[in-house]
Amino acid sequence: MSDQEQPQAAPAPSAPSQPSERRMGPRGPRTERRGGPGGKFAPRPKVCQFCVEKTRKIDYKAPEQLRRFVSDRGKIRPRRQTGTCARHQRHLALAIKRARHLALLPFVGSQAR
């Protein structure tokens, strides 16, 4: 046989060099997803509003600002929902409690009977 007629070996499949390349899975191309298994929701990273605005003190006399951090039933919303840091969540809870004591915010939502 001459040099031109020799069978050439097929190139070995190589792993993707970069993690951004798509890989084939059993159901087609696999892409990197955020938001858990099977979800298409990509949550935005939450940042503390008070840290961004460089707020020195959370004012309990501003109920319109505090109302966003209270649910419709009157409960203080947790950090995982609001995105506030631990330090500002403590100050926020104290300000909401002070505003409730002065009747600027309700202790409970509307009465349901």
C-alpha atoms as a PDB file:
ATOM      1  CA  MET A   1       0.000   0.000   0.000  1.00  0.00           C
ATOM      2  CA  SER A   2       1.114   3.491  -0.662  1.00  0.00           C
ATOM      3  CA  ASP A   3       1.097   6.386   1.756  1.00  0.00           C
ATOM      4  CA  GLN A   4      -2.142   7.746   0.351  1.00  0.00           C
ATOM      5  CA  GLU A   5      -4.135   4.518   0.705  1.00  0.00           C
ATOM      6  CA  GLN A   6      -3.426   3.819   4.375  1.00  0.00           C
ATOM      7  CA  PRO A   7      -6.502   4.041   6.594  1.00  0.00           C
ATOM      8  CA  GLN A   8      -6.312   6.888   9.039  1.00  0.00           C
ATOM      9  CA  ALA A   9      -7.561   6.585  12.597  1.00  0.00           C
ATOM     10  CA  ALA A  10     -10.490   8.734  13.579  1.00  0.00           C
ATOM     11  CA  PRO A  11      -9.577  11.550  15.998  1.00  0.00           C
ATOM     12  CA  ALA A  12     -10.389  10.704  19.593  1.00  0.00           C
ATOM     13  CA  PRO A  13     -13.231  12.714  21.103  1.00  0.00           C
ATOM     14  CA  SER A  14     -11.804  15.290  23.448  1.00  0.00           C
ATOM     15  CA  ALA A  15     -13.389  16.873  26.466  1.00  0.00           C
ATOM     16  CA  PRO A  16     -14.494  20.494  26.109  1.00  0.00           C
ATOM     17  CA  SER A  17     -11.609  22.796  26.863  1.00  0.00           C
ATOM     18  CA  GLN A  18     -13.778  25.493  28.417  1.00  0.00           C
ATOM     19  CA  PRO A  19     -16.755  25.113  30.768  1.00  0.00           C
ATOM     20  CA  SER A  20     -18.760  27.545  28.648  1.00  0.00           C
ATOM     21  CA  GLU A  21     -18.925  25.101  25.732  1.00  0.00           C
ATOM     22  CA  ARG A  22     -22.124  23.103  25.489  1.00  0.00           C
ATOM     23  CA  ARG A  23     -21.976  19.434  26.305  1.00  0.00           C
ATOM     24  CA  MET A  24     -24.276  16.815  24.915  1.00  0.00           C
ATOM     25  CA  GLY A  25     -26.488  15.093  27.437  1.00  0.00           C
ATOM     26  CA  PRO A  26     -29.050  12.336  26.935  1.00  0.00           C
ATOM     27  CA  ARG A  27     -31.677  14.913  25.924  1.00  0.00           C
ATOM     28  CA  GLY A  28     -29.583  17.220  23.785  1.00  0.00           C
ATOM     29  CA  PRO A  29     -27.147  20.019  24.497  1.00  0.00           C
ATOM     30  CA  ARG A  30     -26.705  20.739  28.161  1.00  0.00           C
ATOM     31  CA  THR A  31     -26.395  24.356  29.201  1.00  0.00           C
ATOM     32  CA  GLU A  32     -25.413  25.824  32.521  1.00  0.00           C
ATOM     33  CA  ARG A  33     -28.491  26.948  34.405  1.00  0.00           C
ATOM     34  CA  ARG A  34     -29.072  28.903  37.554  1.00  0.00           C
ATOM     35  CA  GLY A  35     -32.026  28.544  39.834  1.00  0.00           C
ATOM     36  CA  GLY A  36     -31.956  24.889  40.775  1.00  0.00           C
ATOM     37  CA  PRO A  37     -32.763  21.637  39.053  1.00  0.00           C
ATOM     38  CA  GLY A  38     -35.236  21.911  36.223  1.00  0.00           C
ATOM     39  CA  GLY A  39     -35.875  25.615  36.728  1.00  0.00           C
ATOM     40  CA  LYS A  40     -35.392  28.361  34.216  1.00  0.00           C
ATOM     41  CA  PHE A  41     -35.520  31.114  36.817  1.00  0.00           C
ATOM     42  CA  ALA A  42     -32.196  32.891  37.270  1.00  0.00           C
ATOM     43  CA  PRO A  43     -32.348  34.857  40.523  1.00  0.00           C
ATOM     44  CA  ARG A  44     -30.594  38.172  40.685  1.00  0.00           C
ATOM     45  CA  PRO A  45     -28.167  38.447  43.573  1.00  0.00           C
ATOM     46  CA  LYS A  46     -29.791  40.466  46.321  1.00  0.00           C
ATOM     47  CA  VAL A  47     -27.941  43.424  47.714  1.00  0.00           C
ATOM     48  CA  CYS A  48     -28.673  45.347  50.873  1.00  0.00           C
ATOM     49  CA  GLN A  49     -30.501  48.536  49.965  1.00  0.00           C
ATOM     50  CA  PHE A  50     -29.158  50.290  53.044  1.00  0.00           C
ATOM     51  CA  CYS A  51     -25.539  49.375  52.245  1.00  0.00           C
ATOM     52  CA  VAL A  52     -25.925  50.603  48.655  1.00  0.00           C
ATOM     53  CA  GLU A  53     -27.384  53.938  49.782  1.00  0.00           C
ATOM     54  CA  LYS A  54     -24.833  54.121  52.634  1.00  0.00           C
ATOM     55  CA  THR A  55     -27.607  54.785  55.136  1.00  0.00           C
ATOM     56  CA  ARG A  56     -26.142  55.574  58.526  1.00  0.00           C
ATOM     57  CA  LYS A  57     -29.321  55.153  60.538  1.00  0.00           C
ATOM     58  CA  ILE A  58     -32.686  53.602  59.700  1.00  0.00           C
ATOM     59  CA  ASP A  59     -35.305  56.142  60.738  1.00  0.00           C
ATOM     60  CA  TYR A  60     -38.303  54.690  62.561  1.00  0.00           C
ATOM     61  CA  LYS A  61     -40.247  57.919  61.869  1.00  0.00           C
ATOM     62  CA  ALA A  62     -40.404  57.150  58.119  1.00  0.00           C
ATOM     63  CA  PRO A  63     -43.206  54.561  57.871  1.00  0.00           C
ATOM     64  CA  GLU A  64     -43.358  54.743  54.060  1.00  0.00           C
ATOM     65  CA  GLN A  65     -39.774  53.465  53.929  1.00  0.00           C
ATOM     66  CA  LEU A  66     -40.399  50.750  56.526  1.00  0.00           C
ATOM     67  CA  ARG A  67     -43.685  49.571  55.014  1.00  0.00           C
ATOM     68  CA  ARG A  68     -41.828  47.799  52.190  1.00  0.00           C
ATOM     69  CA  PHE A  69     -40.212  45.506  54.767  1.00  0.00           C
ATOM     70  CA  VAL A  70     -43.505  44.501  56.407  1.00  0.00           C
ATOM     71  CA  SER A  71     -45.867  41.936  54.867  1.00  0.00           C
ATOM     72  CA  ASP A  72     -49.561  42.621  54.281  1.00  0.00           C
ATOM     73  CA  ARG A  73     -50.284  40.685  57.478  1.00  0.00           C
ATOM     74  CA  GLY A  74     -47.960  42.932  59.494  1.00  0.00           C
ATOM     75  CA  LYS A  75     -45.009  40.563  59.814  1.00  0.00           C
ATOM     76  CA  ILE A  76     -41.417  41.679  59.354  1.00  0.00           C
ATOM     77  CA  ARG A  77     -40.143  40.179  56.121  1.00  0.00           C
ATOM     78  CA  PRO A  78     -37.007  37.998  56.447  1.00  0.00           C
ATOM     79  CA  ARG A  79     -33.574  38.725  55.012  1.00  0.00           C
ATOM     80  CA  ARG A  80     -33.894  36.104  52.287  1.00  0.00           C
ATOM     81  CA  GLN A  81     -36.885  38.000  50.841  1.00  0.00           C
ATOM     82  CA  THR A  82     -35.681  41.571  51.228  1.00  0.00           C
ATOM     83  CA  GLY A  83     -31.975  41.074  50.602  1.00  0.00           C
ATOM     84  CA  THR A  84     -30.835  43.174  53.540  1.00  0.00           C
ATOM     85  CA  CYS A  85     -27.605  42.277  55.306  1.00  0.00           C
ATOM     86  CA  ALA A  86     -27.633  40.904  58.867  1.00  0.00           C
ATOM     87  CA  ARG A  87     -26.565  44.172  60.444  1.00  0.00           C
ATOM     88  CA  HIS A  88     -29.200  46.272  58.724  1.00  0.00           C
ATOM     89  CA  GLN A  89     -31.872  43.603  59.286  1.00  0.00           C
ATOM     90  CA  ARG A  90     -31.323  43.967  63.033  1.00  0.00           C
ATOM     91  CA  HIS A  91     -31.580  47.778  62.808  1.00  0.00           C
ATOM     92  CA  LEU A  92     -34.611  47.475  60.524  1.00  0.00           C
ATOM     93  CA  ALA A  93     -36.452  45.164  62.936  1.00  0.00           C
ATOM     94  CA  LEU A  94     -35.783  47.566  65.792  1.00  0.00           C
ATOM     95  CA  ALA A  95     -37.039  50.536  63.726  1.00  0.00           C
ATOM     96  CA  ILE A  96     -40.217  48.646  62.734  1.00  0.00           C
ATOM     97  CA  LYS A  97     -40.897  47.754  66.365  1.00  0.00           C
ATOM     98  CA  ARG A  98     -40.432  51.377  67.422  1.00  0.00           C
ATOM     99  CA  ALA A  99     -42.752  52.561  64.629  1.00  0.00           C
ATOM    100  CA  ARG A 100     -45.376  50.041  65.742  1.00  0.00           C
ATOM    101  CA  HIS A 101     -45.136  51.285  69.305  1.00  0.00           C
ATOM    102  CA  LEU A 102     -45.811  54.851  68.117  1.00  0.00           C
ATOM    103  CA  ALA A 103     -48.702  53.592  65.921  1.00  0.00           C
ATOM    104  CA  LEU A 104     -46.934  54.555  62.691  1.00  0.00           C
ATOM    105  CA  LEU A 105     -47.109  50.928  61.520  1.00  0.00           C
ATOM    106  CA  PRO A 106     -49.737  48.305  62.372  1.00  0.00           C
ATOM    107  CA  PHE A 107     -48.952  45.319  64.562  1.00  0.00           C
ATOM    108  CA  VAL A 108     -51.242  43.158  62.385  1.00  0.00           C
ATOM    109  CA  GLY A 109     -52.774  43.504  58.930  1.00  0.00           C
ATOM    110  CA  SER A 110     -56.429  44.132  58.338  1.00  0.00           C
ATOM    111  CA  GLN A 111     -58.736  42.116  60.556  1.00  0.00           C
ATOM    112  CA  ALA A 112     -60.125  39.097  58.707  1.00  0.00           C
ATOM    113  CA  ARG A 113     -63.280  37.449  60.029  1.00  0.00           C
END
